[in-house]
Amino acid sequence: MSRPVIALTMGDAAGVGPEVIVKALAAADPSFRPLVVGDAARLRRAVELTGAQLEINPVASPEEASWTPGVADCIDLANIPEDLPFGELSEVAGEGAYRYIEVATRLASEHRVDAICTAPLNKEALHAAGHKYPGHTELLAKLTGTDEVSMLLSAPTLRVIHVTTHIGLVDAVAKIEPGLVERTLRRGHATLVASGVAEPRIAVCGINPHAGENGLFGYGEEESKVVPAIEAVRASGIDARGPLPADTVFFRAVRGDFDLVVAMYHDQGHGPVKVLGLDAGVNVTVGLPVIRTSVDHGTAFDIAGTGTADEASMLEALRQAVELAPDRTGAAAVKSQAGEAG
């Protein structure tokens, strides 16, 4: 397989994104060709802070990249002031983070890079810059014209796909309906099959405690919102089981009983993955016409600028981007995850 081109977006310049990128690229194996989309001066500052053995090479396009070991080619948007402080909310940094995603998405859509790997952005900074998106997932969906995507969190012993994500709990319960649950199930199944799991075993969480316990808890949400979706996918040969109580299903998945858990709302799925360690989780946006992975941590303003941020999650996100990337050099068409229902 030729080495895929992975576009790394720098994220919020006031956060740890620049630091985890340079540390990860200094330690990464040569299985891919990295192309940072960000601000070259900020990356050089991150090199100084971390002591990473890495040079920054500003370029205008992927075609100008040197792909030299020990060098990080960077499409330099030069949009971050040198005196921008680390660890502080900034409209400028929010605008920068948006522009990096915009450029990387365009390059991926034009098949000039093979996948996108994102460093964290700050939602408040993004909103301050006038871009009213809950996060990367919704922003990428808008930029690619995708109506519906799913967030899949992947850790070494646990994969979780979410039916709903960045909405309140009351709104999440209202939004959950059989069609959405079924589409999420199918996207998760297709993603695992594409990654080499031939017959994924999928556990589906209930909404209420103990998955409703036969109507004891809730108002029949499991029967009306979840069961029809499970029956529909099982009829097409997908091994989906549930609704299962969320208080035990994640333990069973980590033990090896399931390859994927379908969580109904944000905290139901995020909590178990993050208990396993923030450095272990990777965020994969499922359903886009481009491949995107991300670290599963935030901008960490409390330690930004100290050079101490852990690059493990970025390394894992890069590894999974390489695994998902098509076998090509950047010229052929991206295999659409959306076309595979995930």
C-alpha atoms as a PDB file:
ATOM      1  CA  MET A   1       0.000   0.000   0.000  1.00  0.00           C
ATOM      2  CA  SER A   2       1.311   3.459  -0.898  1.00  0.00           C
ATOM      3  CA  ARG A   3       1.685   5.848   2.003  1.00  0.00           C
ATOM      4  CA  PRO A   4      -1.537   7.860   2.380  1.00  0.00           C
ATOM      5  CA  VAL A   5      -1.506  11.619   2.779  1.00  0.00           C
ATOM      6  CA  ILE A   6      -3.078  12.574   6.112  1.00  0.00           C
ATOM      7  CA  ALA A   7      -4.124  16.207   6.603  1.00  0.00           C
ATOM      8  CA  LEU A   8      -3.774  17.231  10.260  1.00  0.00           C
ATOM      9  CA  THR A   9      -5.774  20.301  11.202  1.00  0.00           C
ATOM     10  CA  MET A  10      -4.087  22.356  13.927  1.00  0.00           C
ATOM     11  CA  GLY A  11      -7.265  23.020  15.914  1.00  0.00           C
ATOM     12  CA  ASP A  12      -7.483  25.923  18.335  1.00  0.00           C
ATOM     13  CA  ALA A  13      -4.091  27.645  18.372  1.00  0.00           C
ATOM     14  CA  ALA A  14      -4.527  28.616  22.026  1.00  0.00           C
ATOM     15  CA  GLY A  15      -4.947  24.974  23.025  1.00  0.00           C
ATOM     16  CA  VAL A  16      -2.738  21.903  22.979  1.00  0.00           C
ATOM     17  CA  GLY A  17      -3.323  21.092  19.302  1.00  0.00           C
ATOM     18  CA  PRO A  18      -0.009  22.491  18.011  1.00  0.00           C
ATOM     19  CA  GLU A  19       1.905  20.691  20.765  1.00  0.00           C
ATOM     20  CA  VAL A  20       0.338  17.252  20.322  1.00  0.00           C
ATOM     21  CA  ILE A  21       0.794  17.522  16.555  1.00  0.00           C
ATOM     22  CA  VAL A  22       4.515  18.248  16.644  1.00  0.00           C
ATOM     23  CA  LYS A  23       5.144  15.647  19.355  1.00  0.00           C
ATOM     24  CA  ALA A  24       3.169  13.029  17.449  1.00  0.00           C
ATOM     25  CA  LEU A  25       4.852  13.739  14.118  1.00  0.00           C
ATOM     26  CA  ALA A  26       8.281  13.599  15.741  1.00  0.00           C
ATOM     27  CA  ALA A  27       7.430  10.126  17.072  1.00  0.00           C
ATOM     28  CA  ALA A  28       5.268   8.782  14.223  1.00  0.00           C
ATOM     29  CA  ASP A  29       6.294   5.879  12.023  1.00  0.00           C
ATOM     30  CA  PRO A  30       6.742   6.450   8.263  1.00  0.00           C
ATOM     31  CA  SER A  31       3.503   4.675   7.279  1.00  0.00           C
ATOM     32  CA  PHE A  32       1.910   7.904   6.060  1.00  0.00           C
ATOM     33  CA  ARG A  33       2.725  11.353   4.695  1.00  0.00           C
ATOM     34  CA  PRO A  34       1.636  14.096   7.109  1.00  0.00           C
ATOM     35  CA  LEU A  35       0.418  17.476   5.911  1.00  0.00           C
ATOM     36  CA  VAL A  36      -0.489  19.950   8.653  1.00  0.00           C
ATOM     37  CA  VAL A  37      -3.084  22.601   7.856  1.00  0.00           C
ATOM     38  CA  GLY A  38      -2.456  25.444  10.258  1.00  0.00           C
ATOM     39  CA  ASP A  39      -0.065  28.231  11.145  1.00  0.00           C
ATOM     40  CA  ALA A  40       3.646  27.514  10.627  1.00  0.00           C
ATOM     41  CA  ALA A  41       4.843  30.041  13.203  1.00  0.00           C
ATOM     42  CA  ARG A  42       2.585  28.542  15.865  1.00  0.00           C
ATOM     43  CA  LEU A  43       3.904  25.075  15.069  1.00  0.00           C
ATOM     44  CA  ARG A  44       7.484  26.328  15.409  1.00  0.00           C
ATOM     45  CA  ARG A  45       6.545  27.770  18.799  1.00  0.00           C
ATOM     46  CA  ALA A  46       5.163  24.352  19.757  1.00  0.00           C
ATOM     47  CA  VAL A  47       8.444  22.746  18.692  1.00  0.00           C
ATOM     48  CA  GLU A  48      10.292  25.144  21.023  1.00  0.00           C
ATOM     49  CA  LEU A  49       7.929  24.370  23.892  1.00  0.00           C
ATOM     50  CA  THR A  50       8.071  20.599  23.520  1.00  0.00           C
ATOM     51  CA  GLY A  51      11.614  20.070  22.298  1.00  0.00           C
ATOM     52  CA  ALA A  52      10.257  17.918  19.472  1.00  0.00           C
ATOM     53  CA  GLN A  53      12.862  16.949  16.888  1.00  0.00           C
ATOM     54  CA  LEU A  54      10.946  18.372  13.956  1.00  0.00           C
ATOM     55  CA  GLU A  55      11.321  21.067  11.321  1.00  0.00           C
ATOM     56  CA  ILE A  56       8.361  22.988   9.915  1.00  0.00           C
ATOM     57  CA  ASN A  57       8.212  23.482   6.135  1.00  0.00           C
ATOM     58  CA  PRO A  58       5.542  25.973   4.964  1.00  0.00           C
ATOM     59  CA  VAL A  59       3.927  25.038   1.644  1.00  0.00           C
ATOM     60  CA  ALA A  60       1.039  26.377  -0.401  1.00  0.00           C
ATOM     61  CA  SER A  61      -0.401  23.033  -1.519  1.00  0.00           C
ATOM     62  CA  PRO A  62       0.014  19.270  -1.050  1.00  0.00           C
ATOM     63  CA  GLU A  63       1.847  19.141  -4.346  1.00  0.00           C
ATOM     64  CA  GLU A  64       4.652  21.280  -2.874  1.00  0.00           C
ATOM     65  CA  ALA A  65       5.220  19.041   0.151  1.00  0.00           C
ATOM     66  CA  SER A  66       8.680  17.536   0.579  1.00  0.00           C
ATOM     67  CA  TRP A  67       7.613  14.400   2.511  1.00  0.00           C
ATOM     68  CA  THR A  68      11.022  14.419   4.198  1.00  0.00           C
ATOM     69  CA  PRO A  69      11.554  12.474   7.453  1.00  0.00           C
ATOM     70  CA  GLY A  70      11.868  14.850  10.395  1.00  0.00           C
ATOM     71  CA  VAL A  71      10.032  17.595   8.531  1.00  0.00           C
ATOM     72  CA  ALA A  72       6.376  18.587   8.927  1.00  0.00           C
ATOM     73  CA  ASP A  73       5.011  20.110   5.738  1.00  0.00           C
ATOM     74  CA  CYS A  74       2.417  22.751   6.644  1.00  0.00           C
ATOM     75  CA  ILE A  75      -0.130  24.515   4.489  1.00  0.00           C
ATOM     76  CA  ASP A  76       0.463  27.810   6.224  1.00  0.00           C
ATOM     77  CA  LEU A  77      -2.612  30.013   6.540  1.00  0.00           C
ATOM     78  CA  ALA A  78      -0.531  32.424   8.646  1.00  0.00           C
ATOM     79  CA  ASN A  79      -3.598  33.584  10.577  1.00  0.00           C
ATOM     80  CA  ILE A  80      -2.395  33.455  14.197  1.00  0.00           C
ATOM     81  CA  PRO A  81      -0.641  36.479  15.764  1.00  0.00           C
ATOM     82  CA  GLU A  82       2.723  35.630  17.287  1.00  0.00           C
ATOM     83  CA  ASP A  83       1.668  37.058  20.648  1.00  0.00           C
ATOM     84  CA  LEU A  84      -1.580  35.060  20.897  1.00  0.00           C
ATOM     85  CA  PRO A  85      -1.508  33.642  24.442  1.00  0.00           C
ATOM     86  CA  PHE A  86      -1.947  29.961  25.148  1.00  0.00           C
ATOM     87  CA  GLY A  87      -4.783  28.861  27.386  1.00  0.00           C
ATOM     88  CA  GLU A  88      -7.132  31.765  26.729  1.00  0.00           C
ATOM     89  CA  LEU A  89     -10.379  31.900  24.788  1.00  0.00           C
ATOM     90  CA  SER A  90      -9.805  33.710  21.523  1.00  0.00           C
ATOM     91  CA  GLU A  91     -12.063  34.649  18.615  1.00  0.00           C
ATOM     92  CA  VAL A  92      -8.960  34.714  16.407  1.00  0.00           C
ATOM     93  CA  ALA A  93      -8.086  31.140  17.329  1.00  0.00           C
ATOM     94  CA  GLY A  94     -11.698  30.092  16.759  1.00  0.00           C
ATOM     95  CA  GLU A  95     -11.646  31.566  13.272  1.00  0.00           C
ATOM     96  CA  GLY A  96      -8.322  29.883  12.593  1.00  0.00           C
ATOM     97  CA  ALA A  97      -9.628  26.492  13.652  1.00  0.00           C
ATOM     98  CA  TYR A  98     -12.582  26.899  11.295  1.00  0.00           C
ATOM     99  CA  ARG A  99     -10.345  27.802   8.359  1.00  0.00           C
ATOM    100  CA  TYR A 100      -8.076  24.789   8.907  1.00  0.00           C
ATOM    101  CA  ILE A 101     -11.071  22.445   8.754  1.00  0.00           C
ATOM    102  CA  GLU A 102     -12.422  24.265   5.701  1.00  0.00           C
ATOM    103  CA  VAL A 103      -9.153  23.853   3.782  1.00  0.00           C
ATOM    104  CA  ALA A 104      -8.589  20.241   4.819  1.00  0.00           C
ATOM    105  CA  THR A 105     -12.146  19.295   3.861  1.00  0.00           C
ATOM    106  CA  ARG A 106     -11.725  20.882   0.442  1.00  0.00           C
ATOM    107  CA  LEU A 107      -8.466  19.003  -0.121  1.00  0.00           C
ATOM    108  CA  ALA A 108     -10.055  15.712   0.914  1.00  0.00           C
ATOM    109  CA  SER A 109     -13.084  16.353  -1.284  1.00  0.00           C
ATOM    110  CA  GLU A 110     -10.747  17.037  -4.210  1.00  0.00           C
ATOM    111  CA  HIS A 111      -8.898  13.770  -3.444  1.00  0.00           C
ATOM    112  CA  ARG A 112      -5.610  15.621  -2.863  1.00  0.00           C
ATOM    113  CA  VAL A 113      -5.314  14.135   0.633  1.00  0.00           C
ATOM    114  CA  ASP A 114      -6.530  10.715   1.749  1.00  0.00           C
ATOM    115  CA  ALA A 115      -7.896  11.444   5.224  1.00  0.00           C
ATOM    116  CA  ILE A 116      -8.302  14.196   7.800  1.00  0.00           C
ATOM    117  CA  CYS A 117      -7.074  13.954  11.391  1.00  0.00           C
ATOM    118  CA  THR A 118      -8.184  16.808  13.627  1.00  0.00           C
ATOM    119  CA  ALA A 119      -6.633  18.380  16.690  1.00  0.00           C
ATOM    120  CA  PRO A 120      -9.178  19.804  19.168  1.00  0.00           C
ATOM    121  CA  LEU A 121     -11.046  23.052  18.686  1.00  0.00           C
ATOM    122  CA  ASN A 122     -12.820  25.096  21.330  1.00  0.00           C
ATOM    123  CA  LYS A 123     -16.571  25.427  20.807  1.00  0.00           C
ATOM    124  CA  GLU A 124     -16.819  28.803  22.584  1.00  0.00           C
ATOM    125  CA  ALA A 125     -14.017  30.217  20.435  1.00  0.00           C
ATOM    126  CA  LEU A 126     -15.636  28.792  17.304  1.00  0.00           C
ATOM    127  CA  HIS A 127     -18.939  30.445  18.247  1.00  0.00           C
ATOM    128  CA  ALA A 128     -17.198  33.727  19.096  1.00  0.00           C
ATOM    129  CA  ALA A 129     -15.841  33.732  15.552  1.00  0.00           C
ATOM    130  CA  GLY A 130     -19.386  33.447  14.215  1.00  0.00           C
ATOM    131  CA  HIS A 131     -19.409  29.725  13.359  1.00  0.00           C
ATOM    132  CA  LYS A 132     -22.343  28.280  15.284  1.00  0.00           C
ATOM    133  CA  TYR A 133     -21.593  24.559  15.243  1.00  0.00           C
ATOM    134  CA  PRO A 134     -21.625  22.230  18.275  1.00  0.00           C
ATOM    135  CA  GLY A 135     -18.296  20.749  17.174  1.00  0.00           C
ATOM    136  CA  HIS A 136     -16.226  19.153  14.438  1.00  0.00           C
ATOM    137  CA  THR A 137     -18.821  16.522  13.561  1.00  0.00           C
ATOM    138  CA  GLU A 138     -21.554  18.980  12.645  1.00  0.00           C
ATOM    139  CA  LEU A 139     -19.106  21.347  10.929  1.00  0.00           C
ATOM    140  CA  LEU A 140     -17.735  18.590   8.705  1.00  0.00           C
ATOM    141  CA  ALA A 141     -21.251  17.471   7.830  1.00  0.00           C
ATOM    142  CA  LYS A 142     -22.101  21.019   6.715  1.00  0.00           C
ATOM    143  CA  LEU A 143     -18.916  21.480   4.698  1.00  0.00           C
ATOM    144  CA  THR A 144     -19.409  18.193   2.857  1.00  0.00           C
ATOM    145  CA  GLY A 145     -23.147  18.602   2.341  1.00  0.00           C
ATOM    146  CA  THR A 146     -23.890  15.490   4.391  1.00  0.00           C
ATOM    147  CA  ASP A 147     -27.357  15.309   5.903  1.00  0.00           C
ATOM    148  CA  GLU A 148     -26.592  12.870   8.694  1.00  0.00           C
ATOM    149  CA  VAL A 149     -23.448  11.477  10.306  1.00  0.00           C
ATOM    150  CA  SER A 150     -22.617   9.482  13.420  1.00  0.00           C
ATOM    151  CA  MET A 151     -19.902   9.854  16.022  1.00  0.00           C
ATOM    152  CA  LEU A 152     -17.971   6.663  16.707  1.00  0.00           C
ATOM    153  CA  LEU A 153     -15.510   6.554  19.593  1.00  0.00           C
ATOM    154  CA  SER A 154     -12.875   3.868  19.359  1.00  0.00           C
ATOM    155  CA  ALA A 155     -10.575   2.674  22.135  1.00  0.00           C
ATOM    156  CA  PRO A 156      -8.386  -0.457  22.106  1.00  0.00           C
ATOM    157  CA  THR A 157     -11.066  -2.568  23.863  1.00  0.00           C
ATOM    158  CA  LEU A 158     -14.273  -0.657  23.128  1.00  0.00           C
ATOM    159  CA  ARG A 159     -16.058   0.931  20.166  1.00  0.00           C
ATOM    160  CA  VAL A 160     -19.163   3.072  20.681  1.00  0.00           C
ATOM    161  CA  ILE A 161     -21.377   4.724  18.062  1.00  0.00           C
ATOM    162  CA  HIS A 162     -23.904   7.365  19.106  1.00  0.00           C
ATOM    163  CA  VAL A 163     -27.506   7.779  17.998  1.00  0.00           C
ATOM    164  CA  THR A 164     -27.489  11.388  19.294  1.00  0.00           C
ATOM    165  CA  THR A 165     -24.570  13.529  20.445  1.00  0.00           C
ATOM    166  CA  HIS A 166     -24.419  17.254  21.141  1.00  0.00           C
ATOM    167  CA  ILE A 167     -27.947  17.966  22.324  1.00  0.00           C
ATOM    168  CA  GLY A 168     -29.541  18.020  25.760  1.00  0.00           C
ATOM    169  CA  LEU A 169     -30.839  14.820  27.303  1.00  0.00           C
ATOM    170  CA  VAL A 170     -34.514  15.736  27.012  1.00  0.00           C
ATOM    171  CA  ASP A 171     -34.004  16.690  23.362  1.00  0.00           C
ATOM    172  CA  ALA A 172     -32.050  13.502  22.742  1.00  0.00           C
ATOM    173  CA  VAL A 173     -34.868  11.270  23.969  1.00  0.00           C
ATOM    174  CA  ALA A 174     -37.313  13.201  21.785  1.00  0.00           C
ATOM    175  CA  LYS A 175     -35.047  12.892  18.731  1.00  0.00           C
ATOM    176  CA  ILE A 176     -34.488   9.141  19.029  1.00  0.00           C
ATOM    177  CA  GLU A 177     -36.804   7.244  16.686  1.00  0.00           C
ATOM    178  CA  PRO A 178     -36.607   3.865  14.901  1.00  0.00           C
ATOM    179  CA  GLY A 179     -35.310   5.254  11.606  1.00  0.00           C
ATOM    180  CA  LEU A 180     -32.439   7.141  13.235  1.00  0.00           C
ATOM    181  CA  VAL A 181     -31.493   4.148  15.378  1.00  0.00           C
ATOM    182  CA  GLU A 182     -31.570   1.869  12.318  1.00  0.00           C
ATOM    183  CA  ARG A 183     -29.414   4.202  10.214  1.00  0.00           C
ATOM    184  CA  THR A 184     -26.904   4.495  13.054  1.00  0.00           C
ATOM    185  CA  LEU A 185     -26.774   0.719  13.386  1.00  0.00           C
ATOM    186  CA  ARG A 186     -26.183   0.279   9.664  1.00  0.00           C
ATOM    187  CA  ARG A 187     -23.454   2.948   9.581  1.00  0.00           C
ATOM    188  CA  GLY A 188     -21.676   1.284  12.495  1.00  0.00           C
ATOM    189  CA  HIS A 189     -21.957  -2.154  10.942  1.00  0.00           C
ATOM    190  CA  ALA A 190     -20.625  -0.961   7.582  1.00  0.00           C
ATOM    191  CA  THR A 191     -17.701   0.827   9.217  1.00  0.00           C
ATOM    192  CA  LEU A 192     -16.609  -2.269  11.125  1.00  0.00           C
ATOM    193  CA  VAL A 193     -16.945  -4.480   8.053  1.00  0.00           C
ATOM    194  CA  ALA A 194     -14.824  -2.008   6.080  1.00  0.00           C
ATOM    195  CA  SER A 195     -12.180  -2.082   8.824  1.00  0.00           C
ATOM    196  CA  GLY A 196     -11.931  -5.872   8.706  1.00  0.00           C
ATOM    197  CA  VAL A 197     -14.521  -7.141  11.196  1.00  0.00           C
ATOM    198  CA  ALA A 198     -16.387  -9.564   8.944  1.00  0.00           C
ATOM    199  CA  GLU A 199     -19.437 -10.199  11.147  1.00  0.00           C
ATOM    200  CA  PRO A 200     -19.679  -7.495  13.822  1.00  0.00           C
ATOM    201  CA  ARG A 201     -21.541  -8.287  17.031  1.00  0.00           C
ATOM    202  CA  ILE A 202     -23.461  -5.158  17.946  1.00  0.00           C
ATOM    203  CA  ALA A 203     -25.010  -4.363  21.328  1.00  0.00           C
ATOM    204  CA  VAL A 204     -27.753  -1.754  21.440  1.00  0.00           C
ATOM    205  CA  CYS A 205     -28.282   0.218  24.652  1.00  0.00           C
ATOM    206  CA  GLY A 206     -31.672   0.998  26.071  1.00  0.00           C
ATOM    207  CA  ILE A 207     -32.708   4.546  26.871  1.00  0.00           C
ATOM    208  CA  ASN A 208     -34.000   4.069  30.398  1.00  0.00           C
ATOM    209  CA  PRO A 209     -32.343   2.414  33.429  1.00  0.00           C
ATOM    210  CA  HIS A 210     -32.178  -1.361  32.966  1.00  0.00           C
ATOM    211  CA  ALA A 211     -33.410  -0.825  29.378  1.00  0.00           C
ATOM    212  CA  GLY A 212     -36.847  -0.030  30.773  1.00  0.00           C
ATOM    213  CA  GLU A 213     -37.182  -3.371  32.587  1.00  0.00           C
ATOM    214  CA  ASN A 214     -40.319  -4.360  30.710  1.00  0.00           C
ATOM    215  CA  GLY A 215     -42.028  -1.023  31.199  1.00  0.00           C
ATOM    216  CA  LEU A 216     -41.078  -0.495  34.832  1.00  0.00           C
ATOM    217  CA  PHE A 217     -38.990   2.572  33.941  1.00  0.00           C
ATOM    218  CA  GLY A 218     -39.900   5.209  31.392  1.00  0.00           C
ATOM    219  CA  TYR A 219     -42.842   5.292  29.031  1.00  0.00           C
ATOM    220  CA  GLY A 220     -42.152   2.417  26.679  1.00  0.00           C
ATOM    221  CA  GLU A 221     -39.341   4.166  24.792  1.00  0.00           C
ATOM    222  CA  GLU A 222     -37.422   0.935  24.225  1.00  0.00           C
ATOM    223  CA  GLU A 223     -40.381  -0.788  22.578  1.00  0.00           C
ATOM    224  CA  SER A 224     -41.389   2.184  20.457  1.00  0.00           C
ATOM    225  CA  LYS A 225     -38.033   3.714  19.527  1.00  0.00           C
ATOM    226  CA  VAL A 226     -35.360   0.994  19.683  1.00  0.00           C
ATOM    227  CA  VAL A 227     -36.853  -2.456  19.159  1.00  0.00           C
ATOM    228  CA  PRO A 228     -38.202  -1.772  15.628  1.00  0.00           C
ATOM    229  CA  ALA A 229     -34.716  -0.721  14.475  1.00  0.00           C
ATOM    230  CA  ILE A 230     -33.098  -3.846  15.914  1.00  0.00           C
ATOM    231  CA  GLU A 231     -35.709  -6.036  14.237  1.00  0.00           C
ATOM    232  CA  ALA A 232     -35.163  -4.287  10.885  1.00  0.00           C
ATOM    233  CA  VAL A 233     -31.381  -4.733  10.823  1.00  0.00           C
ATOM    234  CA  ARG A 234     -31.576  -8.295  12.095  1.00  0.00           C
ATOM    235  CA  ALA A 235     -33.902  -9.092   9.198  1.00  0.00           C
ATOM    236  CA  SER A 236     -31.087  -8.061   6.844  1.00  0.00           C
ATOM    237  CA  GLY A 237     -28.519 -10.261   8.575  1.00  0.00           C
ATOM    238  CA  ILE A 238     -26.897  -7.849  11.016  1.00  0.00           C
ATOM    239  CA  ASP A 239     -26.109  -9.333  14.425  1.00  0.00           C
ATOM    240  CA  ALA A 240     -27.678  -6.675  16.675  1.00  0.00           C
ATOM    241  CA  ARG A 241     -28.786  -7.479  20.211  1.00  0.00           C
ATOM    242  CA  GLY A 242     -30.843  -5.474  22.664  1.00  0.00           C
ATOM    243  CA  PRO A 243     -32.064  -3.212  23.975  1.00  0.00           C
ATOM    244  CA  LEU A 244     -29.555  -3.971  26.728  1.00  0.00           C
ATOM    245  CA  PRO A 245     -28.980  -2.192  30.068  1.00  0.00           C
ATOM    246  CA  ALA A 246     -26.252   0.404  29.679  1.00  0.00           C
ATOM    247  CA  ASP A 247     -24.943  -0.244  33.200  1.00  0.00           C
ATOM    248  CA  THR A 248     -23.612  -3.678  32.175  1.00  0.00           C
ATOM    249  CA  VAL A 249     -23.267  -3.682  28.404  1.00  0.00           C
ATOM    250  CA  PHE A 250     -20.006  -1.718  28.308  1.00  0.00           C
ATOM    251  CA  PHE A 251     -18.370  -4.150  30.721  1.00  0.00           C
ATOM    252  CA  ARG A 252     -19.458  -6.985  28.462  1.00  0.00           C
ATOM    253  CA  ALA A 253     -18.098  -5.208  25.383  1.00  0.00           C
ATOM    254  CA  VAL A 254     -14.708  -4.605  27.003  1.00  0.00           C
ATOM    255  CA  ARG A 255     -14.690  -8.274  28.002  1.00  0.00           C
ATOM    256  CA  GLY A 256     -15.043  -9.163  24.332  1.00  0.00           C
ATOM    257  CA  ASP A 257     -18.716 -10.066  23.992  1.00  0.00           C
ATOM    258  CA  PHE A 258     -19.416  -7.311  21.446  1.00  0.00           C
ATOM    259  CA  ASP A 259     -17.527  -5.494  18.701  1.00  0.00           C
ATOM    260  CA  LEU A 260     -19.616  -2.328  18.884  1.00  0.00           C
ATOM    261  CA  VAL A 261     -22.020  -0.676  21.319  1.00  0.00           C
ATOM    262  CA  VAL A 262     -24.777   1.651  20.095  1.00  0.00           C
ATOM    263  CA  ALA A 263     -25.273   4.408  22.683  1.00  0.00           C
ATOM    264  CA  MET A 264     -28.439   6.457  22.671  1.00  0.00           C
ATOM    265  CA  TYR A 265     -27.012   9.781  23.861  1.00  0.00           C
ATOM    266  CA  HIS A 266     -23.733  11.607  24.443  1.00  0.00           C
ATOM    267  CA  ASP A 267     -22.806  10.788  28.034  1.00  0.00           C
ATOM    268  CA  GLN A 268     -24.075   7.220  27.843  1.00  0.00           C
ATOM    269  CA  GLY A 269     -21.371   6.496  25.257  1.00  0.00           C
ATOM    270  CA  HIS A 270     -18.635   8.972  26.102  1.00  0.00           C
ATOM    271  CA  GLY A 271     -18.351   8.118  29.789  1.00  0.00           C
ATOM    272  CA  PRO A 272     -17.275   4.476  29.390  1.00  0.00           C
ATOM    273  CA  VAL A 273     -14.735   5.299  26.664  1.00  0.00           C
ATOM    274  CA  LYS A 274     -13.163   8.094  28.691  1.00  0.00           C
ATOM    275  CA  VAL A 275     -12.937   5.911  31.785  1.00  0.00           C
ATOM    276  CA  LEU A 276     -10.544   3.793  29.722  1.00  0.00           C
ATOM    277  CA  GLY A 277      -8.297   6.851  29.357  1.00  0.00           C
ATOM    278  CA  LEU A 278      -8.398  10.086  27.373  1.00  0.00           C
ATOM    279  CA  ASP A 279      -5.193   9.056  25.612  1.00  0.00           C
ATOM    280  CA  ALA A 280      -6.783   5.830  24.335  1.00  0.00           C
ATOM    281  CA  GLY A 281      -9.908   7.138  22.620  1.00  0.00           C
ATOM    282  CA  VAL A 282     -10.245   8.242  19.012  1.00  0.00           C
ATOM    283  CA  ASN A 283     -13.237   9.975  17.434  1.00  0.00           C
ATOM    284  CA  VAL A 284     -14.272   8.792  13.953  1.00  0.00           C
ATOM    285  CA  THR A 285     -16.972  10.661  12.029  1.00  0.00           C
ATOM    286  CA  VAL A 286     -19.003   7.979  10.254  1.00  0.00           C
ATOM    287  CA  GLY A 287     -21.085   8.750   7.182  1.00  0.00           C
ATOM    288  CA  LEU A 288     -18.981  11.499   5.597  1.00  0.00           C
ATOM    289  CA  PRO A 289     -17.755  11.274   1.986  1.00  0.00           C
ATOM    290  CA  VAL A 290     -14.247  11.865   3.419  1.00  0.00           C
ATOM    291  CA  ILE A 291     -12.373  10.021   6.157  1.00  0.00           C
ATOM    292  CA  ARG A 292     -11.952  11.863   9.442  1.00  0.00           C
ATOM    293  CA  THR A 293     -10.487  10.803  12.760  1.00  0.00           C
ATOM    294  CA  SER A 294      -9.739  12.927  15.800  1.00  0.00           C
ATOM    295  CA  VAL A 295      -8.247  12.933  19.245  1.00  0.00           C
ATOM    296  CA  ASP A 296     -10.831  12.324  21.942  1.00  0.00           C
ATOM    297  CA  HIS A 297      -9.802  15.184  24.214  1.00  0.00           C
ATOM    298  CA  GLY A 298     -10.320  18.910  24.291  1.00  0.00           C
ATOM    299  CA  THR A 299      -8.107  21.954  23.995  1.00  0.00           C
ATOM    300  CA  ALA A 300      -6.843  21.563  27.591  1.00  0.00           C
ATOM    301  CA  PHE A 301      -6.348  25.290  28.152  1.00  0.00           C
ATOM    302  CA  ASP A 302      -5.075  24.547  31.668  1.00  0.00           C
ATOM    303  CA  ILE A 303      -1.860  22.977  30.322  1.00  0.00           C
ATOM    304  CA  ALA A 304      -1.634  24.582  26.866  1.00  0.00           C
ATOM    305  CA  GLY A 305       1.716  26.233  26.285  1.00  0.00           C
ATOM    306  CA  THR A 306       3.571  24.113  28.840  1.00  0.00           C
ATOM    307  CA  GLY A 307       4.790  21.478  26.394  1.00  0.00           C
ATOM    308  CA  THR A 308       3.440  18.674  28.593  1.00  0.00           C
ATOM    309  CA  ALA A 309       0.363  17.600  26.591  1.00  0.00           C
ATOM    310  CA  ASP A 310       0.229  13.871  25.879  1.00  0.00           C
ATOM    311  CA  GLU A 311       0.376  12.986  22.178  1.00  0.00           C
ATOM    312  CA  ALA A 312      -0.846   9.374  22.588  1.00  0.00           C
ATOM    313  CA  SER A 313      -4.398  10.076  21.412  1.00  0.00           C
ATOM    314  CA  MET A 314      -3.098  11.943  18.356  1.00  0.00           C
ATOM    315  CA  LEU A 315      -0.823   9.017  17.485  1.00  0.00           C
ATOM    316  CA  GLU A 316      -3.771   6.637  17.773  1.00  0.00           C
ATOM    317  CA  ALA A 317      -5.971   8.940  15.673  1.00  0.00           C
ATOM    318  CA  LEU A 318      -3.279   9.023  12.994  1.00  0.00           C
ATOM    319  CA  ARG A 319      -2.937   5.244  13.097  1.00  0.00           C
ATOM    320  CA  GLN A 320      -6.650   4.789  12.545  1.00  0.00           C
ATOM    321  CA  ALA A 321      -6.681   7.390   9.761  1.00  0.00           C
ATOM    322  CA  VAL A 322      -3.991   5.381   7.993  1.00  0.00           C
ATOM    323  CA  GLU A 323      -5.991   2.170   8.444  1.00  0.00           C
ATOM    324  CA  LEU A 324      -9.140   3.755   7.009  1.00  0.00           C
ATOM    325  CA  ALA A 325      -7.417   5.576   4.155  1.00  0.00           C
ATOM    326  CA  PRO A 326      -7.862   4.104   0.663  1.00  0.00           C
ATOM    327  CA  ASP A 327      -4.976   2.331  -1.039  1.00  0.00           C
ATOM    328  CA  ARG A 328      -3.857   5.161  -3.251  1.00  0.00           C
ATOM    329  CA  THR A 329      -1.480   8.145  -3.415  1.00  0.00           C
ATOM    330  CA  GLY A 330      -4.052  10.925  -3.501  1.00  0.00           C
ATOM    331  CA  ALA A 331      -5.120  10.811  -7.135  1.00  0.00           C
ATOM    332  CA  ALA A 332      -7.934   8.264  -7.135  1.00  0.00           C
ATOM    333  CA  ALA A 333     -11.404   8.836  -5.792  1.00  0.00           C
ATOM    334  CA  VAL A 334     -12.064   8.470  -2.090  1.00  0.00           C
ATOM    335  CA  LYS A 335     -14.188   5.459  -1.277  1.00  0.00           C
ATOM    336  CA  SER A 336     -17.260   7.121   0.142  1.00  0.00           C
ATOM    337  CA  GLN A 337     -18.189   6.013   3.614  1.00  0.00           C
ATOM    338  CA  ALA A 338     -21.557   7.603   3.061  1.00  0.00           C
ATOM    339  CA  GLY A 339     -22.119   5.365   0.067  1.00  0.00           C
ATOM    340  CA  GLU A 340     -21.513   2.387   2.301  1.00  0.00           C
ATOM    341  CA  ALA A 341     -24.058   3.727   4.832  1.00  0.00           C
ATOM    342  CA  GLY A 342     -21.131   4.381   7.099  1.00  0.00           C
END
